[in-house]
Amino acid sequence: MSDANRAEPVSSAARAEFLAIRLLAFFRAAGLAEIASVLVLDWRHYRSWPAILALTGAVTAESVVLAVAAARRGGLRPSWIVGDVAFLVGCLAVGAALTAPADGQTWVYFMYPFSLFGCYSIGIAFGRLADVMTLTAVLASGYALSAVGIHHDPLWNVMPNALGYFANTAVTWAVARELRRGARAADASRAQAIAQAEDLARQRERARHARILHDHALQTLESLVRHRSVADDAMHSHIAAAARRLRALVEGTPLDEPGDLLSRLHELAALKTAAGLHVEFNSAQLQASEVRGCLPREVLEAVVGAAHEALTNVAKHAAVAAAVMRATATDDRLTVSILDHGIGFDPGQTPWGVGLEKSITDRILEVGGAACIESAPGAGTYVELRIPSAAWNGSAPAA
């Protein structure tokens, strides 16, 4: 089915309004059915049969017009119901005048029960209870004035009848309010579910594209760089840069944020991978931390420089083709570690150990941090760089 022919789903709010319109039409139809039954059974009780038919026709026409207008608009306008109440008040007076006082408390005075059916529209159309009660009071007063002034009904009988209007509109208002509230909540939940489904679909699509890029284009580029397949140095550098940027794209890390620790470490991992040492970078915990973007430049350069030196030593001396770099951040510490499972060394006796003091340890000490280097022959090497929160809160020792 094409997009042009696919119908938009109807909202719960629209369905709630449609149900309210159907209730309005049902109540009006019930009131008109009651009038029809009274005219058939008690037509002899009326003083003027043509006038009664005219009143009935006016009531029927007004009810049909109101229901059709509400259906076309998708709801009731409050101004329509104000006019409807005024119309019902007038019809109550006319109906009382056309009915003998003796029949005022019977079904012959059909405008009273019809107005009870009609008052449901007040509760449907208005959202504020104060507005509902005010308009109901107008309708109830219209009935009371007609009953007392024209039929001379006693107040003790008129008052309970008048209270019936308030009961009808109050209950209708409460039901309509809960119906609309539930509909809005359902629409909000559906919108949230749709947004989450669309976001999940986008994530899955990005992951699929990333897998395709990683399994084909990225590995091809990194293989060209690793094996020096391109003799031209400029082209080799261009391919290496493209490989780094493509890996950053696949891993979701931009390379155009030089002040961001996460970006710099991702770039470092991509650079070393392109040069032949596969670096697995675990950065999930750092991604959610604000520390990545608030490090002073000297601290950032010290951490990245020390990590670079540690990975360079792995590539030169560890006799392995892979290393793991991990970055974490808490409220009081930033930690970057590099681990390899290579041949290891004795830090106290190996020349490599002498170089570590200047290239890694001193660099981190100068910005208020500490470096821990653990290694043993045949056991690989673990380098941990620790930077306390004082280094990015402005209280670190001067370089």
Protein backbone atom coordinates (compact mmCIF):
# COMPACT_ATOMS: atom_id res chain seq x y z
CA MET A 1 0.00 0.00 0.00
CA SER A 2 1.37 3.43 -0.94
CA ASP A 3 1.91 6.20 1.58
CA ALA A 4 -0.84 8.24 -0.07
CA ASN A 5 -3.39 5.48 0.50
CA ARG A 6 -2.29 4.54 3.99
CA ALA A 7 -4.74 6.02 6.48
CA GLU A 8 -3.35 7.77 9.53
CA PRO A 9 -4.31 6.05 12.80
CA VAL A 10 -7.14 7.74 14.64
CA SER A 11 -6.00 9.14 17.97
CA SER A 12 -7.59 8.06 21.23
CA ALA A 13 -8.59 11.68 21.85
CA ALA A 14 -10.48 11.76 18.54
CA ARG A 15 -12.18 8.47 19.38
CA ALA A 16 -13.18 9.86 22.77
CA GLU A 17 -14.77 12.91 21.15
CA PHE A 18 -16.55 10.69 18.65
CA LEU A 19 -17.95 8.63 21.54
CA ALA A 20 -19.11 11.84 23.26
CA ILE A 21 -20.93 12.88 20.06
CA ARG A 22 -22.58 9.47 19.85
CA LEU A 23 -23.76 9.83 23.44
CA LEU A 24 -25.19 13.25 22.62
CA ALA A 25 -27.04 11.83 19.62
CA PHE A 26 -28.27 8.88 21.70
CA PHE A 27 -29.67 11.07 24.47
CA ARG A 28 -31.34 13.41 22.00
CA ALA A 29 -32.83 10.45 20.13
CA ALA A 30 -34.12 9.01 23.40
CA GLY A 31 -35.73 12.35 24.24
CA LEU A 32 -37.36 12.59 20.82
CA ALA A 33 -38.61 9.01 21.11
CA GLU A 34 -40.20 9.90 24.44
CA ILE A 35 -41.93 12.92 22.82
CA ALA A 36 -43.22 10.73 19.98
CA SER A 37 -44.70 8.19 22.39
CA VAL A 38 -46.41 10.93 24.39
CA LEU A 39 -47.95 12.49 21.27
CA VAL A 40 -49.31 9.13 20.16
CA LEU A 41 -50.74 8.15 23.53
CA ASP A 42 -51.88 11.52 24.97
CA TRP A 43 -52.51 13.79 22.02
CA ARG A 44 -56.00 14.68 23.26
CA HIS A 45 -54.55 16.46 26.32
CA TYR A 46 -53.04 19.31 24.35
CA ARG A 47 -54.73 22.67 23.89
CA SER A 48 -53.37 23.35 20.40
CA TRP A 49 -52.34 20.42 18.29
CA PRO A 50 -50.72 22.55 15.52
CA ALA A 51 -48.67 24.44 18.10
CA ILE A 52 -47.53 21.18 19.69
CA LEU A 53 -46.46 19.86 16.29
CA ALA A 54 -44.56 23.07 15.63
CA LEU A 55 -42.79 22.79 19.00
CA THR A 56 -41.94 19.16 18.31
CA GLY A 57 -40.60 20.01 14.86
CA ALA A 58 -38.42 22.81 16.26
CA VAL A 59 -37.00 20.53 18.96
CA THR A 60 -36.30 17.77 16.44
CA ALA A 61 -34.65 20.12 13.96
CA GLU A 62 -32.45 21.75 16.60
CA SER A 63 -31.32 18.36 17.90
CA VAL A 64 -30.43 17.10 14.43
CA VAL A 65 -28.53 20.29 13.55
CA LEU A 66 -26.57 20.10 16.83
CA ALA A 67 -25.64 16.44 16.37
CA VAL A 68 -24.64 16.88 12.70
CA ALA A 69 -22.55 19.99 13.46
CA ALA A 70 -20.77 18.19 16.30
CA ALA A 71 -20.06 15.18 14.07
CA ARG A 72 -18.63 17.35 11.29
CA ARG A 73 -16.44 19.37 13.66
CA GLY A 74 -15.37 16.38 15.72
CA GLY A 75 -16.65 17.87 18.98
CA LEU A 76 -19.04 20.28 20.66
CA ARG A 77 -18.37 23.99 20.79
CA PRO A 78 -19.33 25.50 24.15
CA SER A 79 -21.04 28.41 22.38
CA TRP A 80 -23.38 25.92 20.70
CA ILE A 81 -24.44 24.53 24.06
CA VAL A 82 -25.06 28.02 25.43
CA GLY A 83 -27.44 28.55 22.54
CA ASP A 84 -28.92 25.10 23.09
CA VAL A 85 -29.65 25.89 26.75
CA ALA A 86 -31.36 29.15 25.77
CA PHE A 87 -33.41 27.22 23.21
CA LEU A 88 -34.43 24.61 25.82
CA VAL A 89 -35.44 27.31 28.32
CA GLY A 90 -37.70 28.86 25.71
CA CYS A 91 -39.17 25.48 24.76
CA LEU A 92 -39.87 24.73 28.44
CA ALA A 93 -41.97 27.90 28.66
CA VAL A 94 -43.80 27.17 25.40
CA GLY A 95 -44.42 23.57 26.40
CA ALA A 96 -45.80 24.65 29.76
CA ALA A 97 -48.13 27.14 28.07
CA LEU A 98 -49.43 24.42 25.72
CA THR A 99 -50.01 21.98 28.57
CA ALA A 100 -52.86 22.19 31.07
CA PRO A 101 -51.76 22.81 34.67
CA ALA A 102 -53.31 19.51 35.68
CA ASP A 103 -50.93 17.72 33.30
CA GLY A 104 -47.82 19.61 34.48
CA GLN A 105 -46.60 16.67 36.58
CA THR A 106 -47.24 14.06 33.90
CA TRP A 107 -45.48 12.96 30.71
CA VAL A 108 -47.84 15.24 28.80
CA TYR A 109 -45.49 18.09 29.69
CA PHE A 110 -42.82 16.39 27.55
CA MET A 111 -40.38 19.30 27.53
CA TYR A 112 -39.26 18.61 31.09
CA PRO A 113 -38.04 15.02 30.48
CA PHE A 114 -36.62 16.07 27.09
CA SER A 115 -34.64 18.87 28.73
CA LEU A 116 -33.25 16.32 31.19
CA PHE A 117 -31.95 14.34 28.21
CA GLY A 118 -30.71 17.55 26.60
CA CYS A 119 -28.73 18.75 29.61
CA TYR A 120 -26.20 15.93 29.17
CA SER A 121 -24.60 18.03 26.42
CA ILE A 122 -23.57 20.61 29.04
CA GLY A 123 -21.38 18.08 30.84
CA ILE A 124 -19.90 16.91 27.56
CA ALA A 125 -19.06 20.34 26.12
CA PHE A 126 -17.45 22.13 29.08
CA GLY A 127 -14.18 21.27 30.77
CA ARG A 128 -14.60 23.39 33.91
CA LEU A 129 -17.07 22.22 36.52
CA ALA A 130 -17.92 25.83 37.41
CA ASP A 131 -19.06 26.47 33.83
CA VAL A 132 -21.13 23.29 33.88
CA MET A 133 -22.85 24.23 37.12
CA THR A 134 -23.52 27.80 35.98
CA LEU A 135 -25.18 26.76 32.73
CA THR A 136 -27.08 24.00 34.52
CA ALA A 137 -28.43 26.57 36.97
CA VAL A 138 -29.73 28.60 34.01
CA LEU A 139 -31.59 25.58 32.61
CA ALA A 140 -32.91 24.52 36.01
CA SER A 141 -34.09 28.07 36.69
CA GLY A 142 -35.88 28.13 33.32
CA TYR A 143 -37.72 24.95 34.23
CA ALA A 144 -38.60 26.22 37.73
CA LEU A 145 -39.95 29.53 36.41
CA SER A 146 -42.12 27.75 33.84
CA ALA A 147 -43.41 25.20 36.34
CA VAL A 148 -44.17 27.73 39.07
CA GLY A 149 -45.19 30.70 36.94
CA ILE A 150 -47.31 28.89 34.35
CA HIS A 151 -48.41 25.64 35.95
CA HIS A 152 -48.37 26.98 39.55
CA ASP A 153 -46.61 23.86 40.77
CA PRO A 154 -45.61 23.89 44.45
CA LEU A 155 -41.93 24.61 45.20
CA TRP A 156 -41.56 21.42 47.23
CA ASN A 157 -42.25 19.51 44.04
CA VAL A 158 -40.33 21.75 41.65
CA MET A 159 -37.06 21.81 43.61
CA PRO A 160 -36.33 18.04 43.48
CA ASN A 161 -37.11 18.09 39.76
CA ALA A 162 -34.70 21.00 39.25
CA LEU A 163 -31.94 19.16 41.14
CA GLY A 164 -32.17 16.40 38.56
CA TYR A 165 -30.46 18.70 36.05
CA PHE A 166 -27.42 19.13 38.31
CA ALA A 167 -27.13 15.39 38.91
CA ASN A 168 -27.21 14.66 35.17
CA THR A 169 -24.66 17.30 34.15
CA ALA A 170 -22.28 16.60 37.05
CA VAL A 171 -22.13 12.87 36.31
CA THR A 172 -21.74 13.49 32.57
CA TRP A 173 -18.95 16.01 33.17
CA ALA A 174 -17.05 13.59 35.43
CA VAL A 175 -17.35 10.71 32.96
CA ALA A 176 -16.36 12.90 29.99
CA ARG A 177 -13.35 14.29 31.87
CA GLU A 178 -12.04 10.82 32.76
CA LEU A 179 -12.70 9.61 29.22
CA ARG A 180 -10.68 12.46 27.73
CA ARG A 181 -7.92 12.16 30.32
CA GLY A 182 -7.54 8.46 29.59
CA ALA A 183 -7.53 9.18 25.86
CA ARG A 184 -4.76 11.78 26.23
CA ALA A 185 -2.70 9.38 28.33
CA ALA A 186 -3.17 6.64 25.73
CA ASP A 187 -2.09 9.00 22.94
CA ALA A 188 0.97 10.07 24.92
CA SER A 189 1.93 6.45 25.59
CA ARG A 190 1.47 5.52 21.95
CA ALA A 191 3.54 8.51 20.81
CA GLN A 192 6.32 7.52 23.22
CA ALA A 193 6.20 3.90 22.06
CA ILE A 194 6.37 5.00 18.41
CA ALA A 195 9.32 7.31 19.14
CA GLN A 196 11.15 4.54 20.98
CA ALA A 197 10.47 2.07 18.16
CA GLU A 198 11.73 4.56 15.57
CA ASP A 199 14.84 5.27 17.63
CA LEU A 200 15.50 1.54 18.02
CA ALA A 201 15.05 1.06 14.29
CA ARG A 202 17.53 3.87 13.60
CA GLN A 203 20.04 2.37 16.04
CA ARG A 204 19.71 -1.05 14.43
CA GLU A 205 20.16 0.46 10.98
CA ARG A 206 23.25 2.36 12.12
CA ALA A 207 24.62 -0.80 13.71
CA ARG A 208 24.03 -2.72 10.47
CA HIS A 209 25.80 -0.04 8.44
CA ALA A 210 28.64 0.04 10.97
CA ARG A 211 29.08 -3.74 10.66
CA ILE A 212 29.16 -3.46 6.87
CA LEU A 213 31.75 -0.67 7.02
CA HIS A 214 33.82 -2.50 9.61
CA ASP A 215 33.77 -5.86 7.87
CA HIS A 216 34.58 -4.50 4.43
CA ALA A 217 35.79 -0.95 3.89
CA LEU A 218 37.54 -0.38 7.24
CA GLN A 219 39.42 -3.67 7.33
CA THR A 220 40.50 -3.16 3.73
CA LEU A 221 41.88 0.31 4.45
CA GLU A 222 43.63 -0.77 7.65
CA SER A 223 45.10 -3.77 5.85
CA LEU A 224 46.52 -1.48 3.18
CA VAL A 225 48.10 0.70 5.87
CA ARG A 226 49.37 -2.19 7.98
CA HIS A 227 51.13 -3.96 5.11
CA ARG A 228 52.35 -0.81 3.36
CA SER A 229 50.51 -1.90 0.21
CA VAL A 230 50.73 1.63 -1.20
CA ALA A 231 54.29 2.76 -1.91
CA ASP A 232 53.51 6.45 -2.27
CA ASP A 233 53.99 8.06 1.16
CA ALA A 234 51.42 10.79 0.59
CA MET A 235 48.79 8.30 -0.52
CA HIS A 236 49.69 6.01 2.37
CA SER A 237 49.17 8.87 4.83
CA HIS A 238 45.89 9.76 3.15
CA ILE A 239 44.64 6.17 3.44
CA ALA A 240 45.76 6.00 7.08
CA ALA A 241 43.86 9.20 7.89
CA ALA A 242 40.78 7.89 6.08
CA ALA A 243 41.00 4.63 8.04
CA ARG A 244 41.19 6.53 11.34
CA ARG A 245 38.18 8.64 10.48
CA LEU A 246 36.18 5.67 9.28
CA ARG A 247 36.91 3.77 12.50
CA ALA A 248 35.82 6.80 14.50
CA LEU A 249 32.60 6.90 12.47
CA VAL A 250 31.95 3.19 13.04
CA GLU A 251 32.60 3.53 16.77
CA GLY A 252 30.51 6.70 17.05
CA THR A 253 33.32 9.00 18.12
CA PRO A 254 33.97 12.29 16.27
CA LEU A 255 37.55 13.25 15.47
CA ASP A 256 36.88 16.96 15.24
CA GLU A 257 36.88 17.59 19.02
CA PRO A 258 40.54 18.02 19.96
CA GLY A 259 39.69 19.08 23.50
CA ASP A 260 37.72 15.92 24.27
CA LEU A 261 39.59 13.09 26.00
CA LEU A 262 37.35 10.39 24.59
CA SER A 263 37.88 11.63 21.04
CA ARG A 264 41.66 11.86 21.50
CA LEU A 265 41.91 8.34 22.92
CA HIS A 266 39.73 6.95 20.13
CA GLU A 267 42.00 8.66 17.61
CA LEU A 268 45.05 7.21 19.34
CA ALA A 269 43.57 3.70 19.26
CA ALA A 270 42.70 4.08 15.58
CA LEU A 271 46.21 5.39 14.80
CA LYS A 272 47.92 2.46 16.51
CA THR A 273 45.53 -0.03 14.91
CA ALA A 274 46.25 1.39 11.49
CA ALA A 275 49.97 1.08 12.22
CA GLY A 276 49.69 -2.65 12.98
CA LEU A 277 48.85 -2.91 16.72
CA HIS A 278 45.18 -3.73 17.18
CA VAL A 279 43.94 -1.67 20.13
CA GLU A 280 40.66 -2.65 21.77
CA PHE A 281 39.42 0.52 23.45
CA ASN A 282 36.83 0.14 26.24
CA SER A 283 35.31 3.58 26.70
CA ALA A 284 31.68 2.88 27.68
CA GLN A 285 32.03 4.32 31.19
CA LEU A 286 33.88 7.43 30.05
CA GLN A 287 31.23 8.23 27.41
CA ALA A 288 28.67 9.03 30.13
CA SER A 289 31.05 11.24 32.13
CA GLU A 290 31.45 15.02 31.88
CA VAL A 291 35.13 14.67 32.75
CA ARG A 292 35.94 13.82 29.13
CA GLY A 293 35.36 17.41 28.05
CA CYS A 294 36.56 19.46 31.03
CA LEU A 295 40.22 18.46 31.41
CA PRO A 296 42.77 21.30 31.26
CA ARG A 297 44.94 21.16 28.17
CA GLU A 298 48.10 20.17 30.06
CA VAL A 299 46.29 17.28 31.78
CA LEU A 300 44.73 16.14 28.51
CA GLU A 301 48.10 16.19 26.72
CA ALA A 302 49.81 14.38 29.58
CA VAL A 303 47.25 11.55 29.65
CA VAL A 304 47.12 11.13 25.87
CA GLY A 305 50.92 11.38 25.60
CA ALA A 306 51.49 8.78 28.32
CA ALA A 307 48.95 6.43 26.76
CA HIS A 308 50.59 6.92 23.38
CA GLU A 309 53.99 6.04 24.83
CA ALA A 310 52.62 2.94 26.56
CA LEU A 311 51.08 1.67 23.32
CA THR A 312 54.27 2.47 21.41
CA ASN A 313 56.23 0.34 23.89
CA VAL A 314 53.77 -2.53 23.38
CA ALA A 315 54.24 -2.35 19.62
CA LYS A 316 58.04 -2.21 19.93
CA HIS A 317 58.81 -4.63 22.74
CA ALA A 318 55.85 -6.83 23.78
CA ALA A 319 55.96 -9.16 20.75
CA VAL A 320 52.15 -9.13 20.46
CA ALA A 321 49.78 -7.62 17.91
CA ALA A 322 47.04 -6.51 20.30
CA ALA A 323 46.50 -4.47 23.45
CA VAL A 324 43.55 -3.33 25.53
CA MET A 325 43.09 0.30 26.57
CA ARG A 326 40.39 1.19 29.09
CA ALA A 327 39.23 4.61 30.36
CA THR A 328 36.96 5.22 33.34
CA ALA A 329 35.95 8.32 35.29
CA THR A 330 34.36 8.77 38.71
CA ASP A 331 33.65 11.83 40.82
CA ASP A 332 37.16 11.76 42.26
CA ARG A 333 39.39 10.05 39.70
CA LEU A 334 40.17 9.53 36.01
CA THR A 335 41.86 6.26 35.15
CA VAL A 336 43.37 5.14 31.84
CA SER A 337 44.96 1.70 31.64
CA ILE A 338 46.84 -0.23 28.93
CA LEU A 339 47.18 -4.01 29.13
CA ASP A 340 49.03 -6.46 26.89
CA HIS A 341 49.71 -10.16 27.16
CA GLY A 342 53.18 -9.99 25.67
CA ILE A 343 56.58 -11.17 26.84
CA GLY A 344 56.73 -8.68 29.72
CA PHE A 345 59.93 -7.45 31.38
CA ASP A 346 61.66 -6.81 34.67
CA PRO A 347 61.21 -3.05 35.35
CA GLY A 348 64.35 -2.95 37.50
CA GLN A 349 66.74 -4.55 35.03
CA THR A 350 65.41 -4.01 31.50
CA PRO A 351 66.41 -0.86 29.54
CA TRP A 352 62.77 -0.52 28.51
CA GLY A 353 61.97 0.05 32.19
CA VAL A 354 64.39 2.97 32.39
CA GLY A 355 62.60 4.80 29.55
CA LEU A 356 59.24 4.42 31.23
CA GLU A 357 60.22 6.78 34.05
CA LYS A 358 60.58 9.81 31.80
CA SER A 359 58.03 9.04 29.10
CA ILE A 360 55.14 7.96 31.29
CA THR A 361 55.65 8.28 35.04
CA ASP A 362 57.10 11.80 35.18
CA ARG A 363 54.60 13.09 32.62
CA ILE A 364 51.66 12.05 34.81
CA LEU A 365 53.35 13.21 38.04
CA GLU A 366 53.75 16.72 36.60
CA VAL A 367 49.97 17.19 36.41
CA GLY A 368 49.28 15.83 39.89
CA GLY A 369 48.59 12.22 38.95
CA ALA A 370 50.29 8.88 39.42
CA ALA A 371 51.36 6.07 37.12
CA CYS A 372 51.50 2.41 38.06
CA ILE A 373 53.49 -0.03 35.87
CA GLU A 374 53.32 -3.75 36.58
CA SER A 375 55.17 -6.35 34.53
CA ALA A 376 57.10 -9.57 34.81
CA PRO A 377 58.88 -11.76 32.24
CA GLY A 378 56.28 -13.81 30.39
CA ALA A 379 53.37 -12.17 32.21
CA GLY A 380 52.63 -9.16 29.99
CA THR A 381 52.52 -5.53 31.09
CA TYR A 382 49.88 -3.39 32.80
CA VAL A 383 50.14 0.41 32.84
CA GLU A 384 47.65 2.46 34.83
CA LEU A 385 47.43 6.27 34.72
CA ARG A 386 45.51 7.85 37.59
CA ILE A 387 44.46 11.52 37.63
CA PRO A 388 42.65 12.84 40.75
CA SER A 389 39.69 15.21 40.42
CA ALA A 390 41.87 18.06 41.76
CA ALA A 391 43.64 18.07 38.38
CA TRP A 392 40.50 19.31 36.58
CA ASN A 393 39.00 21.26 39.47
CA GLY A 394 41.78 23.84 39.50
CA SER A 395 43.80 22.67 42.54
CA ALA A 396 46.37 20.42 40.91
CA PRO A 397 50.08 21.16 41.42
CA ALA A 398 51.58 23.42 38.78
CA ALA A 399 53.44 21.67 35.97
